[in-house]
Amino acid sequence: MKFTKLLLICCLSCTSYVVFAQDQPKKRKEVGFIVGLQRSNLDYNQIATTNVSEEAKTNIGGSFFLNSRLIGQLLSIRTEVGFYSKGGTYRGGLVDETNLSYVAAPALLLQTKIAFLKAYAGPQMGFLITAKSKTGNTEQDVKNSFKTTELSGIIGAEMNLPLRLLAGVRYNFGITDVSEITQGTSRPGLYMLYVGLRLHK
């Protein structure tokens, strides 16, 4: 009799577990891409001590993303692979334009329950692809003047729009010095206003 009761309890427990597991929402993933306008500068600290002025530079960049749910509808992890440009225009005796191109891989913690907004933040690792400096009609490769990797941080927010569209804004701030020149440091900053498309959910 005791064995029968024990067997019945085990069966009921297993049945309850199966029903409970089936009722739980499956972890869902979302992929898509973003593209937008970027406004950046290289933030050279030695500029303030010279007669050279630094102006921000506008570029276009974007990335593919993957959102993976971490805690239900509350938190997700977003990973990205993208292309970004950072640079500036410098005016002294001559006008010089510097442009750095990176392949970047951010890992962001995404908060999905702030009204209609999704806020996010996290680190980004960038890998330098090209570095060009243009003075007048002369362009030269200045990749040796910059480090091949860059660690930065990202904070931002976005919202979903109809037709699987989205729009957002983010700020990327430099953490490590990217300059190989010993006379000064450079920690680039970048603002980005973007639109995107959610391809799969």
Protein backbone atom coordinates (compact mmCIF):
# COMPACT_ATOMS: atom_id res chain seq x y z
CA MET A 1 0.00 0.00 0.00
CA LYS A 2 2.78 2.38 0.90
CA PHE A 3 4.55 1.51 -2.32
CA THR A 4 1.36 2.24 -4.31
CA LYS A 5 0.98 5.65 -2.64
CA LEU A 6 4.64 6.46 -3.28
CA LEU A 7 4.28 5.46 -6.92
CA LEU A 8 1.15 7.60 -7.27
CA ILE A 9 2.91 10.62 -5.74
CA CYS A 10 5.87 10.18 -8.09
CA CYS A 11 3.55 9.96 -11.11
CA LEU A 12 1.64 13.09 -10.07
CA SER A 13 4.90 14.97 -9.47
CA CYS A 14 6.27 14.03 -12.88
CA THR A 15 2.98 14.98 -14.57
CA SER A 16 2.92 18.36 -12.81
CA TYR A 17 6.53 19.03 -13.82
CA VAL A 18 5.81 18.24 -17.49
CA VAL A 19 2.71 20.48 -17.54
CA PHE A 20 4.63 23.28 -15.80
CA ALA A 21 7.54 23.01 -18.24
CA GLN A 22 5.20 23.12 -21.22
CA ASP A 23 3.47 26.22 -19.88
CA GLN A 24 6.74 28.13 -19.61
CA PRO A 25 7.54 30.36 -22.57
CA LYS A 26 10.40 29.13 -24.64
CA LYS A 27 13.49 31.26 -24.76
CA ARG A 28 13.21 33.37 -27.85
CA LYS A 29 15.85 35.06 -29.93
CA GLU A 30 15.62 38.04 -32.20
CA VAL A 31 17.99 38.99 -35.01
CA GLY A 32 18.19 42.12 -37.11
CA PHE A 33 20.38 45.01 -38.18
CA ILE A 34 20.79 48.73 -37.52
CA VAL A 35 22.28 51.52 -39.64
CA GLY A 36 22.64 55.21 -38.89
CA LEU A 37 24.53 58.48 -38.76
CA GLN A 38 27.54 58.79 -36.45
CA ARG A 39 29.12 61.94 -35.06
CA SER A 40 32.54 61.38 -33.53
CA ASN A 41 35.86 62.90 -32.52
CA LEU A 42 39.18 61.46 -31.42
CA ASP A 43 39.38 63.60 -28.25
CA TYR A 44 43.12 64.28 -28.35
CA ASN A 45 44.11 65.64 -24.93
CA GLN A 46 47.03 67.64 -26.36
CA ILE A 47 44.76 69.67 -28.67
CA ALA A 48 43.90 72.09 -25.84
CA THR A 49 47.57 73.11 -25.50
CA THR A 50 48.02 73.90 -29.20
CA ASN A 51 46.52 76.31 -31.70
CA VAL A 52 44.68 73.45 -33.42
CA SER A 53 40.90 73.14 -33.12
CA GLU A 54 39.13 69.77 -33.27
CA GLU A 55 35.76 69.33 -34.98
CA ALA A 56 33.55 66.25 -34.94
CA LYS A 57 33.25 64.14 -38.08
CA THR A 58 30.08 62.55 -39.51
CA ASN A 59 30.07 58.99 -40.87
CA ILE A 60 27.68 56.12 -41.50
CA GLY A 61 27.89 52.83 -39.62
CA GLY A 62 25.82 49.83 -38.66
CA SER A 63 25.74 46.31 -37.30
CA PHE A 64 23.89 43.01 -37.19
CA PHE A 65 22.51 42.03 -33.78
CA LEU A 66 21.23 39.01 -31.88
CA ASN A 67 18.97 39.43 -28.84
CA SER A 68 18.77 36.44 -26.48
CA ARG A 69 16.35 36.49 -23.56
CA LEU A 70 18.05 36.27 -20.19
CA ILE A 71 15.22 36.80 -17.69
CA GLY A 72 11.82 36.42 -19.35
CA GLN A 73 10.56 39.70 -20.78
CA LEU A 74 12.74 41.76 -18.44
CA LEU A 75 16.37 41.36 -19.53
CA SER A 76 18.12 40.24 -22.71
CA ILE A 77 21.69 39.95 -23.89
CA ARG A 78 22.46 41.66 -27.19
CA THR A 79 25.56 40.76 -29.17
CA GLU A 80 26.53 42.65 -32.31
CA VAL A 81 29.05 42.60 -35.12
CA GLY A 82 29.34 45.89 -36.96
CA PHE A 83 31.38 48.46 -38.84
CA TYR A 84 32.05 51.91 -37.40
CA SER A 85 34.17 54.93 -38.27
CA LYS A 86 35.62 57.42 -35.81
CA GLY A 87 37.54 60.55 -36.64
CA GLY A 88 37.83 64.30 -36.55
CA THR A 89 38.74 67.41 -38.51
CA TYR A 90 41.66 69.51 -37.24
CA ARG A 91 42.18 73.14 -38.16
CA GLY A 92 45.46 74.90 -37.55
CA GLY A 93 47.74 76.14 -40.28
CA LEU A 94 46.23 73.39 -42.46
CA VAL A 95 43.01 71.38 -42.41
CA ASP A 96 43.55 67.71 -41.61
CA GLU A 97 40.88 64.99 -41.61
CA THR A 98 41.56 61.74 -39.75
CA ASN A 99 39.31 58.72 -40.13
CA LEU A 100 39.60 55.38 -38.29
CA SER A 101 37.56 52.36 -39.41
CA TYR A 102 36.74 49.55 -36.98
CA VAL A 103 35.03 46.20 -36.93
CA ALA A 104 33.32 46.22 -33.54
CA ALA A 105 31.76 43.57 -31.31
CA PRO A 106 29.66 44.89 -28.40
CA ALA A 107 28.01 42.76 -25.70
CA LEU A 108 25.08 44.65 -24.19
CA LEU A 109 22.62 44.07 -21.35
CA LEU A 110 19.19 45.06 -22.68
CA GLN A 111 16.37 46.19 -20.34
CA THR A 112 13.09 45.62 -22.18
CA LYS A 113 10.48 46.80 -19.68
CA ILE A 114 10.81 50.60 -19.48
CA ALA A 115 7.49 51.67 -21.04
CA PHE A 116 7.97 51.61 -24.82
CA LEU A 117 11.74 52.07 -24.60
CA LYS A 118 14.51 49.48 -24.40
CA ALA A 119 17.58 50.74 -22.56
CA TYR A 120 20.96 49.03 -22.83
CA ALA A 121 24.59 49.30 -21.79
CA GLY A 122 27.79 47.28 -22.03
CA PRO A 123 31.36 47.03 -23.32
CA GLN A 124 32.55 46.99 -26.92
CA MET A 125 35.77 45.66 -28.42
CA GLY A 126 36.89 47.32 -31.64
CA PHE A 127 39.49 46.10 -34.14
CA LEU A 128 41.18 48.73 -36.29
CA ILE A 129 40.90 48.07 -40.03
CA THR A 130 42.13 51.30 -41.61
CA ALA A 131 43.46 54.67 -40.44
CA LYS A 132 43.71 57.49 -42.96
CA SER A 133 44.75 61.12 -42.67
CA LYS A 134 43.96 63.62 -45.44
CA THR A 135 45.51 67.07 -45.76
CA GLY A 136 44.37 68.94 -48.85
CA ASN A 137 44.54 66.46 -51.71
CA THR A 138 47.15 64.28 -49.99
CA GLU A 139 46.01 61.16 -48.14
CA GLN A 140 48.31 58.93 -46.13
CA ASP A 141 48.07 55.76 -44.09
CA VAL A 142 48.51 56.51 -40.37
CA LYS A 143 47.64 53.08 -38.99
CA ASN A 144 51.01 52.87 -37.20
CA SER A 145 49.94 55.88 -35.10
CA PHE A 146 47.02 53.99 -33.56
CA LYS A 147 46.58 50.81 -31.56
CA THR A 148 45.00 47.85 -33.32
CA THR A 149 42.32 47.30 -30.64
CA GLU A 150 40.05 49.61 -28.69
CA LEU A 151 37.95 48.98 -25.59
CA SER A 152 34.96 51.27 -25.22
CA GLY A 153 31.57 51.42 -23.52
CA ILE A 154 28.07 51.88 -24.92
CA ILE A 155 24.87 53.28 -23.42
CA GLY A 156 21.72 53.74 -25.44
CA ALA A 157 17.98 53.34 -25.89
CA GLU A 158 15.69 52.26 -28.70
CA MET A 159 12.03 51.60 -29.40
CA ASN A 160 10.16 49.19 -31.63
CA LEU A 161 8.10 50.61 -34.48
CA PRO A 162 5.44 49.04 -36.72
CA LEU A 163 6.48 46.69 -39.54
CA ARG A 164 9.35 45.27 -37.45
CA LEU A 165 11.21 48.58 -37.65
CA LEU A 166 13.10 50.16 -34.75
CA ALA A 167 14.81 53.46 -33.99
CA GLY A 168 17.36 54.41 -31.36
CA VAL A 169 20.26 56.49 -30.15
CA ARG A 170 23.52 55.48 -28.47
CA TYR A 171 26.70 56.98 -27.11
CA ASN A 172 30.04 55.18 -27.39
CA PHE A 173 32.78 56.41 -25.04
CA GLY A 174 36.44 55.45 -25.14
CA ILE A 175 37.93 53.55 -22.20
CA THR A 176 41.43 52.78 -23.48
CA ASP A 177 43.87 55.13 -25.18
CA VAL A 178 44.04 54.35 -28.92
CA SER A 179 47.03 56.57 -29.73
CA GLU A 180 50.51 55.15 -30.22
CA ILE A 181 51.99 58.65 -30.02
CA THR A 182 53.64 59.21 -26.65
CA GLN A 183 53.01 62.98 -26.61
CA GLY A 184 49.28 62.59 -25.96
CA THR A 185 46.28 60.33 -25.55
CA SER A 186 43.14 59.74 -27.59
CA ARG A 187 39.87 58.23 -26.33
CA PRO A 188 37.35 58.60 -29.16
CA GLY A 189 33.70 59.36 -28.48
CA LEU A 190 30.78 58.69 -30.81
CA TYR A 191 27.06 59.50 -30.94
CA MET A 192 24.84 57.43 -33.23
CA LEU A 193 21.24 57.98 -34.35
CA TYR A 194 19.95 54.88 -36.11
CA VAL A 195 17.07 52.93 -37.58
CA GLY A 196 16.87 49.18 -37.96
CA LEU A 197 14.88 46.13 -38.90
CA ARG A 198 14.03 43.08 -36.79
CA LEU A 199 14.37 40.16 -39.20
CA HIS A 200 13.26 37.26 -37.00
CA LYS A 201 11.59 36.78 -33.64
